[in-house]
Amino acid sequence: MDRQHRVMGALVGSAVGDALGAPFEFGPPGAFSARFPTAARGTATEMCGGGSLGWEPGEFTDDTQTALLLAQSLLERDGLDEADVFGRFQRWAQAGPPDIGVQTSAVLGSGLPWDTAAAEHVRAGHRAAGNGSLMRATPAALFFARAGQRVTMDAARRISALTHGDPAAGEGCALFHEVLRVLLGGGDADDAVAGALPLVAEQHRTKWARVCDPGWRPEDATEGNGAVWPTLGSALWALRRSTTFEEALRLVVDLGGDTDTVACVTGALAGARAGITGIPVRWTSVLHEYVPGFADRTWELRDLQLLAAQLDGARHLRLHEPAATAGLPATEVAPGVWAADLDGARRSDRDFAVVSLCRTGGRFGHEVQRFAYLTDDDSNTELATVLDDVLGDVAALRAEGRRVLVHCHAGASRTGLVLRAWLVREEGLSAEEATQRVAAVWPHLGTWNGSFSAALEDLARRG
């Protein structure tokens, strides 16, 4: 898998986990599966919003808000500037975010300098091994990953210590950094833990070895999952028990308790393993939120994807603004399934449920719009996964009686792939029959992409 897919998967996955778990925070075990016993596609998905703070579907919490502040500091200061990070956290806290941890709030509001505030909190006898520094760690783990094991683990401890004076929290962040670094390279999480434990401070090593052991289970925890140990332990447990991002997230949200943070941490690790294409589009497409104190922008999926690439070293990248297209009007290609190009889709009737297969420059204003990560070249290493995900959503939206509009930039190759795949799946056509059927109605079909043709043939063989 391409490294950039894993990098985007980690950052987007952490935000997805945060938003997915938020409505179930402080709830009982099993509440998620009780409400969603099977995958919920269509318009009423598991990204449901609600909870004690009334989150909107796809709205992320303080976990991702503070992660974004850390990310922007790392990029703008070209490295770790603890005073700058602390100042951004203070500005955010003073703006009154709807959700902020008790410990983090106390440290940021103490009036003490960045290099003493958290330590004084501990000296005063307060507990300080919460998961509040772990929940925001993903951007720094991405930023320092290429520098190697020791550098990334040291950076994790320094950033954690800004708000969490108990070194146990810092050691947990250090382990998380190293696990994510290894996963970004396609490695194994348990191997990463084994390699990192000798670098954990001796007084904390035994407990972290126990919590990160493959035999550990969430019911073995000696603290609630608002503490750093069971948060990371539960994330690793979920990775071992799952093969997909969706399975891992379902496991941890079903644990109850501090569901947004445990799912946020799990989402980063599972996202790095699965890549951006392994995260369901029904979850990624609705992500959004602003950061209190920095409300000049609303963060969405495309912003997170760009930020991930920049953190991984592509600092020159900027948001893509697509060129104008011919504005091909929406055309029905199969019952209830329509095609267009980018500008044709942008101008289409608002009752369409839109499936976007290219970079769009932002949302169109339709009630339902899904964004699939698909490029018109041979770099789609998980093409079958993307197709299965998109076709599953199209089927669910059609079952609700919605007209579904599929588009890419020119409405040719990527659009043609999904339209033909739909006919193969729903009507049992061969790849050749589906191609002929689409071409007869949609003359803009492009068939030049060999990997797309191979994926279509494979779908037909799978039945």
Protein backbone atom coordinates (compact mmCIF):
# COMPACT_ATOMS: atom_id res chain seq x y z
CA MET A 1 0.00 0.00 0.00
CA ASP A 2 1.20 3.51 -0.81
CA ARG A 3 2.54 5.26 2.30
CA GLN A 4 0.40 8.33 1.67
CA HIS A 5 -2.71 6.16 1.86
CA ARG A 6 -1.62 5.02 5.33
CA VAL A 7 -0.73 8.55 6.46
CA MET A 8 -4.13 9.88 5.41
CA GLY A 9 -5.78 6.84 6.93
CA ALA A 10 -4.17 7.56 10.29
CA LEU A 11 -5.22 11.21 10.56
CA VAL A 12 -8.66 10.80 9.01
CA GLY A 13 -9.16 7.58 10.97
CA SER A 14 -8.49 9.32 14.27
CA ALA A 15 -11.08 12.02 13.48
CA VAL A 16 -13.59 9.39 12.32
CA GLY A 17 -13.15 7.46 15.56
CA ASP A 18 -13.59 10.63 17.59
CA ALA A 19 -16.83 11.61 15.82
CA LEU A 20 -18.15 8.04 15.76
CA GLY A 21 -17.60 7.53 19.47
CA ALA A 22 -18.72 10.94 20.72
CA PRO A 23 -22.48 10.22 20.87
CA PHE A 24 -21.82 7.12 22.99
CA GLU A 25 -19.43 8.76 25.47
CA PHE A 26 -20.03 7.73 29.10
CA GLY A 27 -22.61 5.21 27.94
CA PRO A 28 -22.79 1.52 28.85
CA PRO A 29 -20.98 -1.30 27.06
CA GLY A 30 -22.79 -2.65 24.02
CA ALA A 31 -24.79 0.52 23.27
CA PHE A 32 -23.28 0.89 19.80
CA SER A 33 -24.12 -2.63 18.64
CA ALA A 34 -27.54 -2.43 20.24
CA ARG A 35 -28.33 0.57 18.07
CA PHE A 36 -26.43 -0.63 14.99
CA PRO A 37 -26.35 -4.44 14.98
CA THR A 38 -25.24 -4.44 11.34
CA ALA A 39 -23.57 -1.96 9.00
CA ALA A 40 -25.85 1.07 8.59
CA ARG A 41 -25.57 2.49 5.09
CA GLY A 42 -27.85 4.92 3.30
CA THR A 43 -28.56 8.23 5.01
CA ALA A 44 -29.01 7.05 8.62
CA THR A 45 -25.51 5.71 9.31
CA GLU A 46 -23.59 4.94 12.48
CA MET A 47 -22.19 8.48 12.27
CA CYS A 48 -25.34 9.49 14.08
CA GLY A 49 -24.52 12.48 16.25
CA GLY A 50 -26.32 13.18 19.51
CA GLY A 51 -25.06 12.25 22.95
CA SER A 52 -25.00 14.38 26.07
CA LEU A 53 -23.52 17.36 24.22
CA GLY A 54 -25.72 17.09 21.14
CA TRP A 55 -23.00 16.48 18.55
CA GLU A 56 -23.92 16.74 14.88
CA PRO A 57 -23.29 13.66 12.71
CA GLY A 58 -19.60 13.73 11.80
CA GLU A 59 -18.72 16.49 14.29
CA PHE A 60 -15.48 15.78 16.11
CA THR A 61 -14.60 16.77 19.68
CA ASP A 62 -11.72 18.21 21.68
CA ASP A 63 -9.66 15.14 20.77
CA THR A 64 -9.35 16.23 17.15
CA GLN A 65 -9.52 19.94 17.87
CA THR A 66 -6.34 19.83 19.96
CA ALA A 67 -4.72 17.48 17.45
CA LEU A 68 -5.29 20.07 14.73
CA LEU A 69 -3.75 22.81 16.88
CA LEU A 70 -0.68 20.64 17.43
CA ALA A 71 -0.46 19.87 13.71
CA GLN A 72 -0.59 23.50 12.69
CA SER A 73 2.07 24.45 15.21
CA LEU A 74 4.42 21.71 13.97
CA LEU A 75 4.04 22.87 10.39
CA GLU A 76 4.12 26.63 10.97
CA ARG A 77 7.05 26.47 13.43
CA ASP A 78 8.84 23.80 11.37
CA GLY A 79 9.16 21.51 14.35
CA LEU A 80 8.26 21.28 18.01
CA ASP A 81 7.92 24.61 19.78
CA GLU A 82 6.40 23.71 23.14
CA ALA A 83 5.61 27.29 24.10
CA ASP A 84 3.73 27.83 20.83
CA VAL A 85 1.75 24.61 21.22
CA PHE A 86 0.84 25.48 24.80
CA GLY A 87 -0.23 28.97 23.75
CA ARG A 88 -2.54 27.58 21.09
CA PHE A 89 -4.05 25.17 23.61
CA GLN A 90 -4.65 28.07 26.02
CA ARG A 91 -6.35 30.18 23.35
CA TRP A 92 -8.57 27.22 22.49
CA ALA A 93 -9.47 26.56 26.14
CA GLN A 94 -10.27 30.24 26.74
CA ALA A 95 -12.71 30.17 23.80
CA GLY A 96 -14.96 27.76 25.68
CA PRO A 97 -14.92 24.50 23.72
CA PRO A 98 -18.00 22.38 24.46
CA ASP A 99 -15.83 19.48 25.58
CA ILE A 100 -12.54 19.73 27.47
CA GLY A 101 -10.95 17.32 29.94
CA VAL A 102 -10.85 18.29 33.60
CA GLN A 103 -7.09 17.84 33.87
CA THR A 104 -6.33 19.68 30.62
CA SER A 105 -8.61 22.55 31.63
CA ALA A 106 -6.96 22.87 35.03
CA VAL A 107 -3.43 22.96 33.58
CA LEU A 108 -4.23 25.38 30.76
CA GLY A 109 -6.16 27.67 33.10
CA SER A 110 -3.59 27.68 35.90
CA GLY A 111 -1.85 30.83 34.72
CA LEU A 112 1.51 29.10 35.02
CA PRO A 113 4.10 28.98 32.20
CA TRP A 114 4.14 26.16 29.67
CA ASP A 115 7.17 24.47 31.23
CA THR A 116 5.81 24.28 34.79
CA ALA A 117 1.99 24.16 34.59
CA ALA A 118 1.54 20.41 34.19
CA ALA A 119 4.30 19.53 36.66
CA GLU A 120 2.76 21.79 39.32
CA HIS A 121 -0.59 20.11 38.76
CA VAL A 122 1.01 16.79 39.71
CA ARG A 123 2.86 18.26 42.67
CA ALA A 124 -0.44 19.52 44.02
CA GLY A 125 -1.56 15.91 44.27
CA HIS A 126 -3.89 15.75 41.29
CA ARG A 127 -4.17 12.70 39.05
CA ALA A 128 -2.40 13.25 35.77
CA ALA A 129 -2.35 9.98 33.82
CA GLY A 130 -5.47 10.59 31.78
CA ASN A 131 -5.69 9.95 28.04
CA GLY A 132 -5.90 13.63 27.09
CA SER A 133 -2.37 13.81 25.70
CA LEU A 134 -2.71 10.48 23.88
CA MET A 135 -5.88 11.52 22.07
CA ARG A 136 -4.12 14.39 20.26
CA ALA A 137 -0.87 12.55 19.45
CA THR A 138 -1.49 11.44 15.86
CA PRO A 139 -0.23 14.57 14.05
CA ALA A 140 3.08 14.52 15.93
CA ALA A 141 3.44 10.79 15.32
CA LEU A 142 3.10 11.48 11.59
CA PHE A 143 5.43 14.48 11.70
CA PHE A 144 8.27 12.70 13.50
CA ALA A 145 7.83 9.20 12.06
CA ARG A 146 10.50 9.58 9.38
CA ALA A 147 13.05 10.67 12.02
CA GLY A 148 13.08 7.20 13.58
CA GLN A 149 12.20 5.44 16.81
CA ARG A 150 14.09 7.42 19.44
CA VAL A 151 13.26 10.84 18.00
CA THR A 152 9.56 10.18 17.73
CA MET A 153 9.31 8.67 21.21
CA ASP A 154 11.16 11.63 22.74
CA ALA A 155 8.90 14.12 20.95
CA ALA A 156 5.85 12.26 22.25
CA ARG A 157 7.00 12.61 25.85
CA ARG A 158 7.73 16.31 25.50
CA ILE A 159 4.34 17.08 23.96
CA SER A 160 2.47 14.99 26.51
CA ALA A 161 4.23 16.79 29.37
CA LEU A 162 2.67 20.11 28.32
CA THR A 163 -0.63 19.12 29.94
CA HIS A 164 -0.03 15.73 31.57
CA GLY A 165 2.69 15.82 34.19
CA ASP A 166 2.58 12.13 35.04
CA PRO A 167 5.37 10.48 33.01
CA ALA A 168 3.17 7.39 32.60
CA ALA A 169 1.07 9.38 30.13
CA GLY A 170 4.16 10.41 28.23
CA GLU A 171 5.37 6.80 28.00
CA GLY A 172 1.98 5.82 26.59
CA CYS A 173 2.26 8.52 23.94
CA ALA A 174 5.79 7.36 23.15
CA LEU A 175 4.56 3.80 22.60
CA PHE A 176 1.71 5.08 20.43
CA HIS A 177 4.14 7.12 18.31
CA GLU A 178 6.30 4.09 17.69
CA VAL A 179 3.40 1.77 16.88
CA LEU A 180 2.05 4.27 14.38
CA ARG A 181 5.51 4.74 12.86
CA VAL A 182 5.81 1.01 12.25
CA LEU A 183 2.27 0.69 10.89
CA LEU A 184 2.94 3.48 8.38
CA GLY A 185 5.68 1.30 6.97
CA GLY A 186 3.39 -1.71 6.73
CA GLY A 187 4.72 -3.35 9.90
CA ASP A 188 3.04 -5.09 12.82
CA ALA A 189 1.78 -3.30 15.93
CA ASP A 190 2.90 -5.98 18.40
CA ASP A 191 6.37 -6.06 16.87
CA ALA A 192 6.51 -2.30 17.32
CA VAL A 193 5.57 -2.58 20.99
CA ALA A 194 8.20 -5.25 21.59
CA GLY A 195 10.85 -3.06 20.01
CA ALA A 196 9.81 0.04 21.94
CA LEU A 197 9.33 -1.34 25.46
CA PRO A 198 13.08 -1.35 26.25
CA LEU A 199 13.02 2.42 25.68
CA VAL A 200 10.15 2.99 28.12
CA ALA A 201 11.25 4.45 31.45
CA GLU A 202 12.04 1.57 33.80
CA GLN A 203 9.56 2.57 36.51
CA HIS A 204 6.69 2.42 33.98
CA ARG A 205 7.86 -0.45 31.81
CA THR A 206 6.26 -3.33 33.70
CA LYS A 207 2.77 -1.86 33.65
CA TRP A 208 2.97 -0.84 30.02
CA ALA A 209 4.28 -4.29 29.07
CA ARG A 210 1.28 -5.85 30.81
CA VAL A 211 -1.29 -3.55 29.18
CA CYS A 212 0.24 -3.93 25.70
CA ASP A 213 0.63 -7.71 25.96
CA PRO A 214 -1.34 -9.70 23.33
CA GLY A 215 -3.13 -11.53 26.15
CA TRP A 216 -4.47 -8.33 27.75
CA ARG A 217 -8.21 -7.59 27.46
CA PRO A 218 -10.20 -4.45 28.34
CA GLU A 219 -11.81 -6.29 31.25
CA ASP A 220 -8.32 -6.67 32.74
CA ALA A 221 -7.99 -2.90 33.16
CA THR A 222 -7.46 -1.60 36.68
CA GLU A 223 -8.63 1.92 35.73
CA GLY A 224 -11.52 3.31 33.73
CA ASN A 225 -10.79 3.88 30.06
CA GLY A 226 -10.38 7.60 30.61
CA ALA A 227 -6.89 6.68 31.82
CA VAL A 228 -3.99 6.36 29.40
CA TRP A 229 -3.24 2.65 30.02
CA PRO A 230 -6.58 1.08 29.04
CA THR A 231 -7.01 3.54 26.18
CA LEU A 232 -3.91 2.37 24.35
CA GLY A 233 -4.37 -1.20 25.57
CA SER A 234 -7.91 -1.29 24.15
CA ALA A 235 -6.75 0.11 20.82
CA LEU A 236 -4.12 -2.62 20.47
CA TRP A 237 -6.63 -5.26 21.58
CA ALA A 238 -9.06 -4.11 18.88
CA LEU A 239 -6.36 -4.25 16.21
CA ARG A 240 -5.61 -7.87 17.09
CA ARG A 241 -9.26 -8.88 17.04
CA SER A 242 -10.14 -7.23 13.72
CA THR A 243 -9.14 -7.27 10.09
CA THR A 244 -10.86 -4.06 8.96
CA PHE A 245 -11.16 -0.50 10.19
CA GLU A 246 -14.89 -0.90 10.67
CA GLU A 247 -14.49 -3.99 12.83
CA ALA A 248 -11.88 -2.34 15.05
CA LEU A 249 -14.00 0.76 15.65
CA ARG A 250 -17.13 -1.24 16.40
CA LEU A 251 -15.20 -3.18 19.08
CA VAL A 252 -13.94 -0.14 20.95
CA VAL A 253 -17.06 2.02 20.79
CA ASP A 254 -18.94 -0.96 22.20
CA LEU A 255 -16.69 -0.85 25.27
CA GLY A 256 -18.59 2.21 26.52
CA GLY A 257 -17.03 4.82 28.80
CA ASP A 258 -14.67 7.29 27.14
CA THR A 259 -15.72 6.16 23.69
CA ASP A 260 -14.63 9.19 21.68
CA THR A 261 -11.02 9.05 22.86
CA VAL A 262 -10.61 5.27 22.77
CA ALA A 263 -12.08 5.26 19.26
CA CYS A 264 -9.92 8.23 18.25
CA VAL A 265 -6.72 6.40 19.26
CA THR A 266 -7.91 3.14 17.71
CA GLY A 267 -8.94 4.97 14.55
CA ALA A 268 -5.44 6.31 14.03
CA LEU A 269 -3.84 2.87 14.31
CA ALA A 270 -6.55 1.04 12.36
CA GLY A 271 -6.50 3.80 9.73
CA ALA A 272 -2.76 3.45 9.27
CA ARG A 273 -3.21 -0.29 8.82
CA ALA A 274 -6.17 -0.03 6.42
CA GLY A 275 -5.21 3.15 4.57
CA ILE A 276 -7.63 5.92 3.63
CA THR A 277 -9.47 3.64 1.23
CA GLY A 278 -10.21 1.18 4.02
CA ILE A 279 -12.30 3.68 5.99
CA PRO A 280 -15.99 3.64 5.01
CA VAL A 281 -16.92 6.65 2.90
CA ARG A 282 -20.21 6.97 4.77
CA TRP A 283 -18.09 7.95 7.80
CA THR A 284 -15.35 10.06 6.24
CA SER A 285 -17.65 12.13 4.02
CA VAL A 286 -19.50 13.83 6.87
CA LEU A 287 -16.51 14.86 9.01
CA HIS A 288 -16.57 18.54 9.95
CA GLU A 289 -15.89 20.97 12.78
CA TYR A 290 -14.20 24.24 13.56
CA VAL A 291 -11.69 24.77 16.36
CA PRO A 292 -12.84 27.20 19.08
CA GLY A 293 -10.53 30.20 19.23
CA PHE A 294 -9.49 29.52 15.64
CA ALA A 295 -12.90 29.64 13.97
CA ASP A 296 -11.69 31.12 10.69
CA ARG A 297 -12.22 27.77 8.98
CA THR A 298 -14.25 24.58 9.14
CA TRP A 299 -12.25 21.40 8.79
CA GLU A 300 -13.58 18.72 6.44
CA LEU A 301 -12.27 15.55 4.85
CA ARG A 302 -10.21 17.24 2.15
CA ASP A 303 -8.51 19.48 4.74
CA LEU A 304 -7.53 16.48 6.85
CA GLN A 305 -6.17 14.62 3.83
CA LEU A 306 -4.02 17.58 2.87
CA LEU A 307 -2.83 18.11 6.44
CA ALA A 308 -1.77 14.46 6.69
CA ALA A 309 0.33 14.73 3.54
CA GLN A 310 1.96 17.93 4.80
CA LEU A 311 2.80 16.35 8.15
CA ASP A 312 4.45 13.48 6.30
CA GLY A 313 6.75 15.92 4.51
CA ALA A 314 4.83 17.27 1.51
CA ARG A 315 4.84 20.82 2.89
CA HIS A 316 4.44 22.36 -0.56
CA LEU A 317 0.99 20.92 -1.16
CA ARG A 318 -2.06 23.18 -1.12
CA LEU A 319 -5.78 22.53 -1.42
CA HIS A 320 -6.62 21.49 -4.96
CA GLU A 321 -9.04 23.71 -6.85
CA PRO A 322 -10.23 21.70 -9.86
CA ALA A 323 -10.42 23.24 -13.31
CA ALA A 324 -13.79 23.94 -14.86
CA THR A 325 -15.36 21.08 -16.80
CA ALA A 326 -17.83 20.91 -19.69
CA GLY A 327 -20.77 20.78 -17.30
CA LEU A 328 -22.22 17.58 -18.71
CA PRO A 329 -25.82 17.40 -17.50
CA ALA A 330 -26.97 14.50 -15.35
CA THR A 331 -27.99 11.52 -17.47
CA GLU A 332 -29.73 8.37 -16.23
CA VAL A 333 -27.57 5.37 -17.10
CA ALA A 334 -29.34 2.67 -15.09
CA PRO A 335 -32.62 2.83 -13.17
CA GLY A 336 -32.11 5.51 -10.53
CA VAL A 337 -28.36 5.82 -11.18
CA TRP A 338 -27.14 8.86 -13.09
CA ALA A 339 -23.85 10.20 -14.45
CA ALA A 340 -22.31 13.67 -14.84
CA ASP A 341 -18.97 15.41 -14.81
CA LEU A 342 -17.78 17.65 -11.97
CA ASP A 343 -19.60 20.86 -12.87
CA GLY A 344 -22.64 18.96 -14.09
CA ALA A 345 -22.89 17.32 -10.68
CA ARG A 346 -22.26 20.59 -8.86
CA ARG A 347 -25.22 22.19 -10.68
CA SER A 348 -27.51 19.18 -10.47
CA ASP A 349 -30.85 18.96 -8.68
CA ARG A 350 -30.36 19.07 -4.94
CA ASP A 351 -32.38 15.92 -4.38
CA PHE A 352 -29.62 13.79 -5.90
CA ALA A 353 -27.44 11.77 -3.56
CA VAL A 354 -24.02 12.51 -5.04
CA VAL A 355 -21.07 10.12 -5.14
CA SER A 356 -17.90 12.11 -5.89
CA LEU A 357 -14.94 10.16 -7.26
CA CYS A 358 -12.55 13.10 -7.67
CA ARG A 359 -11.39 16.18 -5.81
CA THR A 360 -14.25 18.66 -5.89
CA GLY A 361 -12.97 21.83 -4.22
CA GLY A 362 -15.56 21.43 -1.47
CA ARG A 363 -19.12 20.30 -0.87
CA PHE A 364 -21.82 21.03 -3.42
CA GLY A 365 -24.74 21.71 -1.10
CA HIS A 366 -26.59 18.45 -1.66
CA GLU A 367 -28.07 16.81 1.42
CA VAL A 368 -26.09 13.63 0.73
CA GLN A 369 -22.62 13.67 -0.81
CA ARG A 370 -20.07 10.89 -0.49
CA PHE A 371 -16.38 11.31 -1.32
CA ALA A 372 -14.44 8.23 -2.44
CA TYR A 373 -10.64 8.20 -2.66
CA LEU A 374 -10.01 7.09 -6.25
CA THR A 375 -7.34 8.25 -8.69
CA ASP A 376 -7.35 7.77 -12.46
CA ASP A 377 -4.09 5.84 -12.61
CA ASP A 378 -2.64 2.56 -11.39
CA SER A 379 -2.00 3.68 -7.79
CA ASN A 380 -5.33 2.44 -6.38
CA THR A 381 -3.83 -0.47 -4.48
CA GLU A 382 -7.11 -1.22 -2.69
CA LEU A 383 -9.42 -0.72 -5.67
CA ALA A 384 -11.67 -3.69 -4.87
CA THR A 385 -12.24 -2.31 -1.36
CA VAL A 386 -13.21 1.11 -2.71
CA LEU A 387 -15.59 -0.41 -5.24
CA ASP A 388 -17.29 -2.61 -2.66
CA ASP A 389 -17.72 0.35 -0.33
CA VAL A 390 -19.10 2.70 -2.98
CA LEU A 391 -21.44 0.11 -4.51
CA GLY A 392 -22.75 -0.79 -1.08
CA ASP A 393 -23.64 2.84 -0.44
CA VAL A 394 -25.24 3.26 -3.86
CA ALA A 395 -27.39 0.19 -3.20
CA ALA A 396 -28.50 1.51 0.20
CA LEU A 397 -29.31 4.97 -1.16
CA ARG A 398 -31.29 3.44 -4.01
CA ALA A 399 -33.18 1.26 -1.52
CA GLU A 400 -34.30 4.49 0.16
CA GLY A 401 -35.72 5.64 -3.17
CA ARG A 402 -33.02 8.25 -3.78
CA ARG A 403 -31.63 9.10 -7.19
CA VAL A 404 -27.87 8.60 -7.10
CA LEU A 405 -25.55 10.75 -9.22
CA VAL A 406 -22.04 9.43 -9.84
CA HIS A 407 -19.33 11.74 -11.17
CA CYS A 408 -15.61 12.32 -11.51
CA HIS A 409 -13.82 15.29 -13.05
CA ALA A 410 -14.60 14.63 -16.73
CA GLY A 411 -17.26 12.00 -16.11
CA ALA A 412 -15.24 9.47 -18.08
CA SER A 413 -12.98 6.84 -16.54
CA ARG A 414 -13.76 6.75 -12.82
CA THR A 415 -17.44 7.46 -13.38
CA GLY A 416 -17.50 4.75 -16.02
CA LEU A 417 -15.89 2.24 -13.69
CA VAL A 418 -18.53 2.67 -10.98
CA LEU A 419 -21.42 2.69 -13.47
CA ARG A 420 -20.22 -0.51 -15.14
CA ALA A 421 -19.49 -2.13 -11.77
CA TRP A 422 -23.02 -1.28 -10.67
CA LEU A 423 -24.47 -3.13 -13.67
CA VAL A 424 -22.18 -6.10 -13.09
CA ARG A 425 -23.23 -6.31 -9.45
CA GLU A 426 -26.92 -5.51 -9.73
CA GLU A 427 -27.85 -7.05 -13.07
CA GLY A 428 -25.27 -9.80 -13.38
CA LEU A 429 -23.80 -8.47 -16.61
CA SER A 430 -20.34 -9.39 -17.81
CA ALA A 431 -17.69 -6.67 -17.91
CA GLU A 432 -18.08 -6.42 -21.69
CA GLU A 433 -21.89 -6.26 -21.52
CA ALA A 434 -21.75 -3.57 -18.85
CA THR A 435 -19.30 -1.53 -20.92
CA GLN A 436 -21.54 -1.70 -23.98
CA ARG A 437 -24.61 -0.78 -21.97
CA VAL A 438 -23.01 2.29 -20.39
CA ALA A 439 -21.41 3.47 -23.64
CA ALA A 440 -24.77 3.37 -25.40
CA VAL A 441 -26.21 5.87 -22.93
CA TRP A 442 -23.13 7.77 -21.75
CA PRO A 443 -20.81 8.44 -24.72
CA HIS A 444 -18.29 10.14 -22.43
CA LEU A 445 -17.23 6.76 -20.99
CA GLY A 446 -13.45 6.30 -20.81
CA THR A 447 -11.98 2.79 -20.84
CA TRP A 448 -8.26 3.56 -21.01
CA ASN A 449 -7.41 2.59 -17.43
CA GLY A 450 -6.13 -0.99 -17.43
CA SER A 451 -6.37 -1.41 -13.66
CA PHE A 452 -10.03 -0.39 -13.80
CA SER A 453 -10.71 -2.99 -16.50
CA ALA A 454 -8.98 -5.64 -14.41
CA ALA A 455 -11.03 -4.68 -11.32
CA LEU A 456 -14.23 -4.89 -13.34
CA GLU A 457 -13.34 -8.36 -14.63
CA ASP A 458 -12.51 -9.46 -11.09
CA LEU A 459 -15.86 -8.16 -9.83
CA ALA A 460 -17.66 -10.09 -12.56
CA ARG A 461 -15.80 -13.28 -11.62
CA ARG A 462 -16.70 -12.83 -7.97
CA GLY A 463 -20.34 -12.65 -8.99
